C-alpha atoms as a PDB file:
ATOM      1  CA  UNK A   1     -17.586  15.350  -8.040  1.00  0.00           C
ATOM      2  CA  UNK A   2     -17.258  11.658  -7.194  1.00  0.00           C
ATOM      3  CA  UNK A   3     -13.924  10.698  -5.719  1.00  0.00           C
ATOM      4  CA  UNK A   4     -12.042   7.777  -4.242  1.00  0.00           C
ATOM      5  CA  UNK A   5      -8.854   7.036  -2.370  1.00  0.00           C
ATOM      6  CA  UNK A   6      -6.761   3.975  -3.165  1.00  0.00           C
ATOM      7  CA  UNK A   7      -4.248   2.954  -0.515  1.00  0.00           C
ATOM      8  CA  UNK A   8      -1.173   0.809  -0.715  1.00  0.00           C
ATOM      9  CA  UNK A   9      -0.715  -1.417   2.345  1.00  0.00           C
ATOM     10  CA  UNK A  10       2.870  -1.925   3.480  1.00  0.00           C
ATOM     11  CA  UNK A  11       4.298   1.339   4.778  1.00  0.00           C
ATOM     12  CA  UNK A  12       0.992   3.192   4.302  1.00  0.00           C
ATOM     13  CA  UNK A  13      -1.600   1.518   6.537  1.00  0.00           C
ATOM     14  CA  UNK A  14       0.874  -0.313   8.747  1.00  0.00           C
ATOM     15  CA  UNK A  15       4.613  -0.829   8.960  1.00  0.00           C
ATOM     16  CA  UNK A  16       5.153  -4.381   7.808  1.00  0.00           C
ATOM     17  CA  UNK A  17       8.324  -3.224   6.063  1.00  0.00           C
ATOM     18  CA  UNK A  18      10.252  -4.192   9.184  1.00  0.00           C
ATOM     19  CA  UNK A  19       8.693  -7.677   9.092  1.00  0.00           C
ATOM     20  CA  UNK A  20       9.782  -8.074   5.477  1.00  0.00           C
ATOM     21  CA  UNK A  21      13.282  -6.942   6.338  1.00  0.00           C
ATOM     22  CA  UNK A  22      13.553  -9.400   9.225  1.00  0.00           C
ATOM     23  CA  UNK A  23      12.246 -12.197   6.979  1.00  0.00           C
ATOM     24  CA  UNK A  24      14.664 -11.483   4.129  1.00  0.00           C
ATOM     25  CA  UNK A  25      17.516 -11.029   6.606  1.00  0.00           C
ATOM     26  CA  UNK A  26      16.754 -14.401   8.150  1.00  0.00           C
ATOM     27  CA  UNK A  27      16.696 -16.083   4.742  1.00  0.00           C
ATOM     28  CA  UNK A  28      19.901 -14.305   3.734  1.00  0.00           C
ATOM     29  CA  UNK A  29      21.637 -15.619   6.834  1.00  0.00           C
ATOM     30  CA  UNK A  30      20.658 -19.171   5.936  1.00  0.00           C
ATOM     31  CA  UNK A  31      21.982 -18.721   2.394  1.00  0.00           C
ATOM     32  CA  UNK A  32      25.177 -16.954   3.422  1.00  0.00           C
ATOM     33  CA  UNK A  33      24.087 -13.718   1.739  1.00  0.00           C
ATOM     34  CA  UNK A  34      24.835 -10.254   3.061  1.00  0.00           C
ATOM     35  CA  UNK A  35      21.576  -8.291   3.290  1.00  0.00           C
ATOM     36  CA  UNK A  36      21.160  -4.707   4.484  1.00  0.00           C
ATOM     37  CA  UNK A  37      18.306  -2.315   5.122  1.00  0.00           C
ATOM     38  CA  UNK A  38      19.377  -0.491   1.990  1.00  0.00           C
ATOM     39  CA  UNK A  39      18.954  -3.688  -0.013  1.00  0.00           C
ATOM     40  CA  UNK A  40      15.535  -4.130   1.564  1.00  0.00           C
ATOM     41  CA  UNK A  41      14.480  -0.704   0.245  1.00  0.00           C
ATOM     42  CA  UNK A  42      14.957  -1.969  -3.310  1.00  0.00           C
ATOM     43  CA  UNK A  43      12.376  -4.715  -2.635  1.00  0.00           C
ATOM     44  CA  UNK A  44       9.711  -2.329  -1.329  1.00  0.00           C
ATOM     45  CA  UNK A  45       6.465  -2.563  -3.295  1.00  0.00           C
ATOM     46  CA  UNK A  46       7.613  -5.524  -5.428  1.00  0.00           C
ATOM     47  CA  UNK A  47       5.818  -8.804  -6.013  1.00  0.00           C
ATOM     48  CA  UNK A  48       7.236 -11.959  -4.406  1.00  0.00           C
ATOM     49  CA  UNK A  49       8.807 -13.122  -7.645  1.00  0.00           C
ATOM     50  CA  UNK A  50      10.402  -9.776  -8.468  1.00  0.00           C
ATOM     51  CA  UNK A  51      11.610  -9.321  -4.893  1.00  0.00           C
ATOM     52  CA  UNK A  52      13.306 -12.728  -4.928  1.00  0.00           C
ATOM     53  CA  UNK A  53      15.002 -11.975  -8.248  1.00  0.00           C
ATOM     54  CA  UNK A  54      16.387  -8.732  -6.831  1.00  0.00           C
ATOM     55  CA  UNK A  55      17.353 -10.506  -3.610  1.00  0.00           C
ATOM     56  CA  UNK A  56      19.331 -13.108  -5.569  1.00  0.00           C
ATOM     57  CA  UNK A  57      20.737 -10.714  -8.175  1.00  0.00           C
ATOM     58  CA  UNK A  58      24.304 -11.692  -9.021  1.00  0.00           C
ATOM     59  CA  UNK A  59      24.226 -14.591  -6.569  1.00  0.00           C
ATOM     60  CA  UNK A  60      23.818 -18.332  -6.864  1.00  0.00           C
ATOM     61  CA  UNK A  61      20.318 -19.389  -7.941  1.00  0.00           C
ATOM     62  CA  UNK A  62      20.748 -23.094  -7.408  1.00  0.00           C
ATOM     63  CA  UNK A  63      17.945 -23.258  -4.818  1.00  0.00           C
ATOM     64  CA  UNK A  64      14.336 -23.727  -5.875  1.00  0.00           C
ATOM     65  CA  UNK A  65      12.795 -20.215  -6.172  1.00  0.00           C
ATOM     66  CA  UNK A  66       9.384 -21.464  -5.052  1.00  0.00           C
ATOM     67  CA  UNK A  67      10.876 -23.010  -1.915  1.00  0.00           C
ATOM     68  CA  UNK A  68      12.751 -19.795  -1.132  1.00  0.00           C
ATOM     69  CA  UNK A  69       9.603 -17.692  -1.572  1.00  0.00           C
ATOM     70  CA  UNK A  70       7.614 -20.016   0.662  1.00  0.00           C
ATOM     71  CA  UNK A  71      10.344 -20.075   3.293  1.00  0.00           C
ATOM     72  CA  UNK A  72      10.577 -16.278   3.372  1.00  0.00           C
ATOM     73  CA  UNK A  73       6.787 -15.962   3.486  1.00  0.00           C
ATOM     74  CA  UNK A  74       6.634 -18.416   6.383  1.00  0.00           C
ATOM     75  CA  UNK A  75       8.986 -16.191   8.363  1.00  0.00           C
ATOM     76  CA  UNK A  76       6.876 -13.154   7.469  1.00  0.00           C
ATOM     77  CA  UNK A  77       3.689 -14.860   8.675  1.00  0.00           C
ATOM     78  CA  UNK A  78       5.358 -15.599  12.008  1.00  0.00           C
ATOM     79  CA  UNK A  79       5.938 -11.871  12.495  1.00  0.00           C
ATOM     80  CA  UNK A  80       2.478 -10.867  11.181  1.00  0.00           C
ATOM     81  CA  UNK A  81       0.917 -12.952  13.955  1.00  0.00           C
ATOM     82  CA  UNK A  82       1.849 -10.056  16.249  1.00  0.00           C
ATOM     83  CA  UNK A  83      -0.311  -7.553  14.325  1.00  0.00           C
ATOM     84  CA  UNK A  84      -3.470  -5.915  15.659  1.00  0.00           C
ATOM     85  CA  UNK A  85      -5.470  -2.679  15.223  1.00  0.00           C
ATOM     86  CA  UNK A  86      -2.930  -0.911  17.418  1.00  0.00           C
ATOM     87  CA  UNK A  87      -0.404  -1.302  14.607  1.00  0.00           C
ATOM     88  CA  UNK A  88      -2.251   1.018  12.202  1.00  0.00           C
ATOM     89  CA  UNK A  89       0.046   3.911  11.403  1.00  0.00           C
ATOM     90  CA  UNK A  90      -0.745   7.370  12.760  1.00  0.00           C
ATOM     91  CA  UNK A  91      -3.701   9.061  11.087  1.00  0.00           C
ATOM     92  CA  UNK A  92      -4.846   6.017   9.105  1.00  0.00           C
ATOM     93  CA  UNK A  93      -7.909   5.023  11.141  1.00  0.00           C
ATOM     94  CA  UNK A  94      -9.262   8.580  11.242  1.00  0.00           C
ATOM     95  CA  UNK A  95      -8.773   9.075   7.502  1.00  0.00           C
ATOM     96  CA  UNK A  96     -10.496   5.811   6.610  1.00  0.00           C
ATOM     97  CA  UNK A  97     -13.551   6.627   8.709  1.00  0.00           C
ATOM     98  CA  UNK A  98     -13.647  10.245   7.498  1.00  0.00           C
ATOM     99  CA  UNK A  99     -13.555   9.014   3.908  1.00  0.00           C
ATOM    100  CA  UNK A 100     -16.434   6.622   4.568  1.00  0.00           C
ATOM    101  CA  UNK A 101     -18.451   9.393   6.206  1.00  0.00           C
ATOM    102  CA  UNK A 102     -17.798  11.639   3.200  1.00  0.00           C
ATOM    103  CA  UNK A 103     -19.110   8.999   0.807  1.00  0.00           C
ATOM    104  CA  UNK A 104     -15.765   8.429  -0.896  1.00  0.00           C
ATOM    105  CA  UNK A 105     -14.896   5.150  -2.541  1.00  0.00           C
ATOM    106  CA  UNK A 106     -12.138   3.296  -0.717  1.00  0.00           C
ATOM    107  CA  UNK A 107      -9.783   0.863  -2.407  1.00  0.00           C
ATOM    108  CA  UNK A 108      -6.670  -1.079  -1.534  1.00  0.00           C
ATOM    109  CA  UNK A 109      -4.030  -1.972  -4.108  1.00  0.00           C
ATOM    110  CA  UNK A 110      -1.154  -4.039  -2.784  1.00  0.00           C
ATOM    111  CA  UNK A 111       1.446  -6.361  -4.269  1.00  0.00           C
ATOM    112  CA  UNK A 112       1.300  -8.518  -1.149  1.00  0.00           C
ATOM    113  CA  UNK A 113      -0.384 -11.916  -1.277  1.00  0.00           C
ATOM    114  CA  UNK A 114      -0.955 -11.527   2.472  1.00  0.00           C
ATOM    115  CA  UNK A 115      -2.864  -8.246   2.153  1.00  0.00           C
ATOM    116  CA  UNK A 116      -6.259  -9.622   3.200  1.00  0.00           C
ATOM    117  CA  UNK A 117      -4.777 -11.343   6.230  1.00  0.00           C
ATOM    118  CA  UNK A 118      -2.927  -8.194   7.287  1.00  0.00           C
ATOM    119  CA  UNK A 119      -5.982  -5.943   6.823  1.00  0.00           C
ATOM    120  CA  UNK A 120      -8.139  -8.417   8.746  1.00  0.00           C
ATOM    121  CA  UNK A 121      -5.704  -8.358  11.666  1.00  0.00           C
ATOM    122  CA  UNK A 122      -5.664  -4.562  11.536  1.00  0.00           C
ATOM    123  CA  UNK A 123      -9.483  -4.503  11.681  1.00  0.00           C
ATOM    124  CA  UNK A 124      -9.930  -2.502   8.453  1.00  0.00           C
ATOM    125  CA  UNK A 125     -10.689  -5.133   5.799  1.00  0.00           C
ATOM    126  CA  UNK A 126     -14.421  -4.369   5.702  1.00  0.00           C
ATOM    127  CA  UNK A 127     -13.839  -0.650   5.120  1.00  0.00           C
ATOM    128  CA  UNK A 128     -12.669  -1.185   1.537  1.00  0.00           C
ATOM    129  CA  UNK A 129     -15.073  -1.227  -1.401  1.00  0.00           C
ATOM    130  CA  UNK A 130     -12.479  -2.674  -3.784  1.00  0.00           C
ATOM    131  CA  UNK A 131      -9.469  -4.810  -2.981  1.00  0.00           C
ATOM    132  CA  UNK A 132      -6.591  -6.021  -5.141  1.00  0.00           C
ATOM    133  CA  UNK A 133      -3.556  -7.933  -3.909  1.00  0.00           C
ATOM    134  CA  UNK A 134      -0.794 -10.189  -5.133  1.00  0.00           C
ATOM    135  CA  UNK A 135      -3.329 -12.968  -5.724  1.00  0.00           C
ATOM    136  CA  UNK A 136      -5.393 -10.916  -8.194  1.00  0.00           C
ATOM    137  CA  UNK A 137      -3.505 -12.036 -11.303  1.00  0.00           C
ATOM    138  CA  UNK A 138      -2.676  -8.481 -12.398  1.00  0.00           C
ATOM    139  CA  UNK A 139       0.661  -7.225 -13.632  1.00  0.00           C
ATOM    140  CA  UNK A 140       2.541  -5.961 -10.560  1.00  0.00           C
ATOM    141  CA  UNK A 141       3.731  -2.424  -9.940  1.00  0.00           C
ATOM    142  CA  UNK A 142       5.328  -0.433 -11.572  1.00  0.00           C
ATOM    143  CA  UNK A 143       2.675  -1.409 -14.127  1.00  0.00           C
ATOM    144  CA  UNK A 144      -0.560   0.541 -13.463  1.00  0.00           C
ATOM    145  CA  UNK A 145      -2.890  -2.474 -13.730  1.00  0.00           C
ATOM    146  CA  UNK A 146      -3.606  -2.895 -10.008  1.00  0.00           C
ATOM    147  CA  UNK A 147      -4.652   0.728  -9.545  1.00  0.00           C
ATOM    148  CA  UNK A 148      -6.698   0.768 -12.756  1.00  0.00           C
ATOM    149  CA  UNK A 149      -8.523  -2.420 -11.738  1.00  0.00           C
ATOM    150  CA  UNK A 150      -9.387  -1.009  -8.303  1.00  0.00           C
ATOM    151  CA  UNK A 151     -10.600   2.275  -9.805  1.00  0.00           C
ATOM    152  CA  UNK A 152     -12.820   0.301 -12.173  1.00  0.00           C
ATOM    153  CA  UNK A 153     -14.288  -1.665  -9.265  1.00  0.00           C
ATOM    154  CA  UNK A 154     -15.034   1.661  -7.570  1.00  0.00           C
ATOM    155  CA  UNK A 155     -16.719   2.814 -10.806  1.00  0.00           C
ATOM    156  CA  UNK A 156     -14.351   5.770 -10.932  1.00  0.00           C
ATOM    157  CA  UNK A 157     -11.948   7.124 -13.526  1.00  0.00           C
ATOM    158  CA  UNK A 158      -8.266   7.481 -12.588  1.00  0.00           C
ATOM    159  CA  UNK A 159      -8.565  11.275 -12.466  1.00  0.00           C
ATOM    160  CA  UNK A 160     -11.298  10.873  -9.838  1.00  0.00           C
ATOM    161  CA  UNK A 161      -9.004   8.910  -7.519  1.00  0.00           C
ATOM    162  CA  UNK A 162      -6.081   9.646  -5.260  1.00  0.00           C
ATOM    163  CA  UNK A 163      -3.444   6.968  -4.709  1.00  0.00           C
ATOM    164  CA  UNK A 164      -1.470   6.910  -1.462  1.00  0.00           C
ATOM    165  CA  UNK A 165       1.872   5.131  -1.876  1.00  0.00           C
ATOM    166  CA  UNK A 166       5.214   4.831  -0.114  1.00  0.00           C
ATOM    167  CA  UNK A 167       7.240   2.974  -2.763  1.00  0.00           C
ATOM    168  CA  UNK A 168       8.997   4.185  -5.893  1.00  0.00           C
ATOM    169  CA  UNK A 169       7.419   1.399  -7.958  1.00  0.00           C
ATOM    170  CA  UNK A 170       3.959   2.240  -6.607  1.00  0.00           C
ATOM    171  CA  UNK A 171       4.303   5.946  -7.348  1.00  0.00           C
ATOM    172  CA  UNK A 172       5.450   5.128 -10.883  1.00  0.00           C
ATOM    173  CA  UNK A 173       2.503   2.767 -11.368  1.00  0.00           C
ATOM    174  CA  UNK A 174      -0.057   5.312 -10.206  1.00  0.00           C
ATOM    175  CA  UNK A 175       1.414   8.095 -12.348  1.00  0.00           C
ATOM    176  CA  UNK A 176       1.411   5.794 -15.372  1.00  0.00           C
ATOM    177  CA  UNK A 177      -2.292   5.152 -14.767  1.00  0.00           C
ATOM    178  CA  UNK A 178      -3.173   8.848 -14.677  1.00  0.00           C
ATOM    179  CA  UNK A 179      -3.881   9.106 -10.942  1.00  0.00           C
ATOM    180  CA  UNK A 180      -3.186  11.918  -8.500  1.00  0.00           C
ATOM    181  CA  UNK A 181      -0.503  10.520  -6.206  1.00  0.00           C
ATOM    182  CA  UNK A 182       0.319  11.235  -2.578  1.00  0.00           C
ATOM    183  CA  UNK A 183       3.754   9.880  -1.668  1.00  0.00           C
ATOM    184  CA  UNK A 184       4.689   9.012   1.904  1.00  0.00           C
ATOM    185  CA  UNK A 185       8.332   9.090   2.883  1.00  0.00           C
ATOM    186  CA  UNK A 186      11.568  10.707   1.730  1.00  0.00           C
ATOM    187  CA  UNK A 187      11.653  12.644  -1.521  1.00  0.00           C
ATOM    188  CA  UNK A 188      14.420  10.474  -2.906  1.00  0.00           C
ATOM    189  CA  UNK A 189      11.912   7.599  -2.841  1.00  0.00           C
ATOM    190  CA  UNK A 190       8.528   9.212  -3.606  1.00  0.00           C
ATOM    191  CA  UNK A 191       9.514  12.670  -4.872  1.00  0.00           C
ATOM    192  CA  UNK A 192       7.729  12.201  -8.207  1.00  0.00           C
ATOM    193  CA  UNK A 193       4.328  12.160  -6.463  1.00  0.00           C
ATOM    194  CA  UNK A 194       2.078  15.212  -6.750  1.00  0.00           C
ATOM    195  CA  UNK A 195       2.180  15.655  -2.978  1.00  0.00           C
ATOM    196  CA  UNK A 196       4.843  14.323  -0.600  1.00  0.00           C
ATOM    197  CA  UNK A 197       4.145  13.854   3.119  1.00  0.00           C
ATOM    198  CA  UNK A 198       6.244  12.336   5.853  1.00  0.00           C
ATOM    199  CA  UNK A 199       3.234  10.264   6.969  1.00  0.00           C
ATOM    200  CA  UNK A 200      -0.557  10.504   7.397  1.00  0.00           C
ATOM    201  CA  UNK A 201      -0.335  11.560  11.038  1.00  0.00           C
ATOM    202  CA  UNK A 202      -1.641  15.090  10.501  1.00  0.00           C
ATOM    203  CA  UNK A 203      -3.224  14.639   7.065  1.00  0.00           C
ATOM    204  CA  UNK A 204      -6.875  15.414   6.332  1.00  0.00           C
ATOM    205  CA  UNK A 205      -9.086  14.542   3.369  1.00  0.00           C
ATOM    206  CA  UNK A 206      -8.600  18.091   2.088  1.00  0.00           C
ATOM    207  CA  UNK A 207      -4.853  17.496   2.035  1.00  0.00           C
ATOM    208  CA  UNK A 208      -5.203  14.376  -0.095  1.00  0.00           C
ATOM    209  CA  UNK A 209      -7.977  15.252  -2.510  1.00  0.00           C
ATOM    210  CA  UNK A 210      -7.635  17.529  -5.542  1.00  0.00           C
ATOM    211  CA  UNK A 211      -9.015  21.010  -4.947  1.00  0.00           C
ATOM    212  CA  UNK A 212     -12.000  20.447  -7.265  1.00  0.00           C
ATOM    213  CA  UNK A 213     -13.497  17.827  -4.926  1.00  0.00           C
ATOM    214  CA  UNK A 214     -12.602  19.210  -1.492  1.00  0.00           C
ATOM    215  CA  UNK A 215     -15.635  21.355  -0.782  1.00  0.00           C
ATOM    216  CA  UNK A 216     -18.165  18.691  -1.725  1.00  0.00           C
ATOM    217  CA  UNK A 217     -16.581  15.915   0.305  1.00  0.00           C
ATOM    218  CA  UNK A 218     -16.115  18.144   3.344  1.00  0.00           C
ATOM    219  CA  UNK A 219     -19.802  19.063   3.222  1.00  0.00           C
ATOM    220  CA  UNK A 220     -20.821  15.425   2.861  1.00  0.00           C
ATOM    221  CA  UNK A 221     -18.692  14.500   5.842  1.00  0.00           C
ATOM    222  CA  UNK A 222     -20.371  17.139   8.001  1.00  0.00           C
ATOM    223  CA  UNK A 223     -23.847  15.995   6.961  1.00  0.00           C
ATOM    224  CA  UNK A 224     -23.127  12.296   7.552  1.00  0.00           C
ATOM    225  CA  UNK A 225     -21.407  12.919  10.860  1.00  0.00           C
ATOM    226  CA  UNK A 226     -24.256  15.190  11.911  1.00  0.00           C
ATOM    227  CA  UNK A 227     -26.836  12.509  11.122  1.00  0.00           C
ATOM    228  CA  UNK A 228     -25.003  10.144  13.441  1.00  0.00           C
ATOM    229  CA  UNK A 229     -25.154  12.362  16.504  1.00  0.00           C
END
């Protein structure tokens, strides 16, 4: 059975969630808005436009939305300058290379317009066979379009792919598209996923993939790894 894994970026490959929080918090301070970590959770996995609307919900919208988005993104880019391969979350690097060795298709589906920059800094951009981000012109999550587009680029059907997500909107999008979903984080956020893990620190390909494809990919991984030694 052919199979693929489609990863979200923020909170899955690396923890840029903190950078987003610091950026929104900085903007909120300039606008005289109270902003908490709880409020930041509501913005997780959203496009820039949607995130700003939620950020400004019930508050004055006299400022130019484009200027506010650009200002917040400028703060975010300042923090992203600190990123490097050492900021990959636990288990991510091993899983990506194991998936490549097993011949799986690898995709990234993110709402972030900075996804390519972040993946380049992390040293993993070239590992993906298909890549969709906030610049792709697709309807954002919780619509399934991003995941469906990536699966199509991998030449795979949704039921042949596993999506790894950490956001409520992302889990909803993947389920709507007919994908198997692995949710990372607390159940109150990703509990609707087929499998919920705290993180990828101890996860293996067999943990992520549906049972029908585990044996074949494990065998492929052993053959490929054996050919390299």
